[in-house]
Amino acid sequence: MYHDVVKLIARKNFLRINQKDYDSLLKDCAPNIHHRFGGTHALAASAMIKRH
C-alpha cells in the first residue's frame, strides 16, 4: 500500500515538472530541503534549499 501511494505521488510530481507547473509542486514540499547524492562520483553533492 505504501509503495503504491509513493508511486502515485512521484508520478504526479513528474507530470507537474513536465508541464512546468513548478509552483504547485513546491507548495507540497517542505520550506527547507536538504538533498544529498552520496558517493564519490560526478553526481555526488549536497544542496540546501530554503524557500521564503
N, C-alpha and C. Protein backbone atom coordinates (compact mmCIF):
# COMPACT_ATOMS: atom_id res chain seq x y z
N MET A 1 0.82 -1.19 0.00
CA MET A 1 0.00 0.00 0.00
C MET A 1 0.87 1.26 0.00
N TYR A 2 1.87 1.33 0.90
CA TYR A 2 2.75 2.49 0.97
C TYR A 2 3.46 2.70 -0.36
N HIS A 3 3.95 1.61 -0.96
CA HIS A 3 4.63 1.68 -2.25
C HIS A 3 3.73 2.30 -3.31
N ASP A 4 2.46 1.93 -3.32
CA ASP A 4 1.52 2.46 -4.30
C ASP A 4 1.29 3.96 -4.11
N VAL A 5 1.20 4.40 -2.86
CA VAL A 5 0.99 5.82 -2.58
C VAL A 5 2.21 6.63 -3.02
N VAL A 6 3.40 6.15 -2.69
CA VAL A 6 4.63 6.85 -3.08
C VAL A 6 4.75 6.90 -4.60
N LYS A 7 4.43 5.81 -5.26
CA LYS A 7 4.48 5.75 -6.72
C LYS A 7 3.52 6.76 -7.33
N LEU A 8 2.32 6.87 -6.79
CA LEU A 8 1.33 7.83 -7.29
C LEU A 8 1.82 9.26 -7.11
N ILE A 9 2.38 9.57 -5.95
CA ILE A 9 2.89 10.92 -5.69
C ILE A 9 4.05 11.23 -6.64
N ALA A 10 4.95 10.28 -6.83
CA ALA A 10 6.09 10.50 -7.72
C ALA A 10 5.64 10.74 -9.16
N ARG A 11 4.69 9.96 -9.63
CA ARG A 11 4.18 10.16 -11.00
C ARG A 11 3.52 11.52 -11.15
N LYS A 12 2.73 11.91 -10.14
CA LYS A 12 2.06 13.21 -10.17
C LYS A 12 3.09 14.34 -10.22
N ASN A 13 4.14 14.20 -9.43
CA ASN A 13 5.16 15.25 -9.39
C ASN A 13 5.96 15.32 -10.68
N PHE A 14 6.29 14.19 -11.29
CA PHE A 14 6.99 14.22 -12.57
C PHE A 14 6.10 14.81 -13.66
N LEU A 15 4.81 14.55 -13.60
CA LEU A 15 3.87 15.17 -14.54
C LEU A 15 3.87 16.69 -14.37
N ARG A 16 3.87 17.15 -13.12
CA ARG A 16 3.94 18.58 -12.85
C ARG A 16 5.21 19.19 -13.43
N ILE A 17 6.33 18.50 -13.28
CA ILE A 17 7.60 19.00 -13.83
C ILE A 17 7.51 19.08 -15.35
N ASN A 18 7.00 18.05 -15.98
CA ASN A 18 6.88 18.04 -17.44
C ASN A 18 5.96 19.14 -17.94
N GLN A 19 4.97 19.51 -17.14
CA GLN A 19 4.04 20.58 -17.51
C GLN A 19 4.54 21.95 -17.06
N LYS A 20 5.73 21.99 -16.47
CA LYS A 20 6.34 23.22 -15.95
C LYS A 20 5.46 23.89 -14.90
N ASP A 21 4.78 23.08 -14.12
CA ASP A 21 3.91 23.56 -13.05
C ASP A 21 4.68 23.50 -11.73
N TYR A 22 5.74 24.31 -11.65
CA TYR A 22 6.64 24.25 -10.51
C TYR A 22 6.01 24.77 -9.23
N ASP A 23 5.15 25.79 -9.34
CA ASP A 23 4.55 26.37 -8.14
C ASP A 23 3.72 25.36 -7.36
N SER A 24 2.88 24.60 -8.04
CA SER A 24 2.06 23.62 -7.32
C SER A 24 2.91 22.49 -6.75
N LEU A 25 3.99 22.16 -7.43
CA LEU A 25 4.91 21.14 -6.92
C LEU A 25 5.59 21.63 -5.64
N LEU A 26 6.06 22.86 -5.65
CA LEU A 26 6.77 23.40 -4.49
C LEU A 26 5.84 23.63 -3.30
N LYS A 27 4.56 23.85 -3.55
CA LYS A 27 3.60 24.02 -2.45
C LYS A 27 3.50 22.76 -1.60
N ASP A 28 3.74 21.60 -2.20
CA ASP A 28 3.67 20.33 -1.48
C ASP A 28 4.99 19.95 -0.80
N CYS A 29 6.01 20.78 -0.96
CA CYS A 29 7.33 20.48 -0.39
C CYS A 29 7.55 21.25 0.90
N ALA A 30 8.44 20.75 1.70
CA ALA A 30 8.83 21.44 2.93
C ALA A 30 9.59 22.72 2.55
N PRO A 31 9.53 23.75 3.40
CA PRO A 31 10.22 25.00 3.08
C PRO A 31 11.74 24.89 3.14
N ASN A 32 12.25 23.92 3.87
CA ASN A 32 13.70 23.71 3.97
C ASN A 32 14.02 22.30 3.48
N ILE A 33 14.76 22.22 2.39
CA ILE A 33 15.08 20.93 1.79
C ILE A 33 16.58 20.72 1.82
N HIS A 34 17.02 19.56 2.25
CA HIS A 34 18.43 19.18 2.20
C HIS A 34 18.50 17.92 1.35
N HIS A 35 19.06 18.05 0.16
CA HIS A 35 19.10 16.96 -0.81
C HIS A 35 20.54 16.47 -0.95
N ARG A 36 20.74 15.16 -0.87
CA ARG A 36 22.09 14.59 -0.97
C ARG A 36 22.15 13.48 -2.01
N PHE A 37 23.22 13.53 -2.80
CA PHE A 37 23.60 12.40 -3.64
C PHE A 37 24.92 11.90 -3.06
N GLY A 38 24.89 10.79 -2.38
CA GLY A 38 26.09 10.27 -1.74
C GLY A 38 27.05 9.62 -2.71
N GLY A 39 28.27 9.45 -2.28
CA GLY A 39 29.25 8.74 -3.07
C GLY A 39 30.43 9.60 -3.47
N THR A 40 31.31 9.01 -4.25
CA THR A 40 32.49 9.72 -4.74
C THR A 40 32.49 9.70 -6.26
N HIS A 41 31.44 10.19 -6.84
CA HIS A 41 31.30 10.22 -8.30
C HIS A 41 30.89 11.63 -8.72
N ALA A 42 30.72 11.85 -10.01
CA ALA A 42 30.44 13.18 -10.55
C ALA A 42 29.13 13.77 -10.02
N LEU A 43 28.16 12.93 -9.66
CA LEU A 43 26.88 13.44 -9.19
C LEU A 43 26.82 13.62 -7.68
N ALA A 44 27.87 13.23 -6.97
CA ALA A 44 27.88 13.35 -5.51
C ALA A 44 27.83 14.83 -5.13
N ALA A 45 26.85 15.19 -4.30
CA ALA A 45 26.70 16.59 -3.91
C ALA A 45 25.75 16.67 -2.73
N SER A 46 25.73 17.84 -2.12
CA SER A 46 24.80 18.14 -1.05
C SER A 46 24.27 19.54 -1.31
N ALA A 47 22.97 19.71 -1.30
CA ALA A 47 22.37 21.01 -1.58
C ALA A 47 21.34 21.35 -0.52
N MET A 48 21.43 22.57 -0.01
CA MET A 48 20.45 23.08 0.95
C MET A 48 19.60 24.12 0.23
N ILE A 49 18.30 23.96 0.26
CA ILE A 49 17.39 24.89 -0.40
C ILE A 49 16.43 25.42 0.64
N LYS A 50 16.36 26.73 0.75
CA LYS A 50 15.47 27.35 1.72
C LYS A 50 14.57 28.34 0.98
N ARG A 51 13.28 28.09 1.02
CA ARG A 51 12.32 29.00 0.39
C ARG A 51 11.79 29.97 1.42
N HIS A 52 11.46 31.14 0.98
CA HIS A 52 10.92 32.17 1.87
C HIS A 52 9.44 32.30 1.67
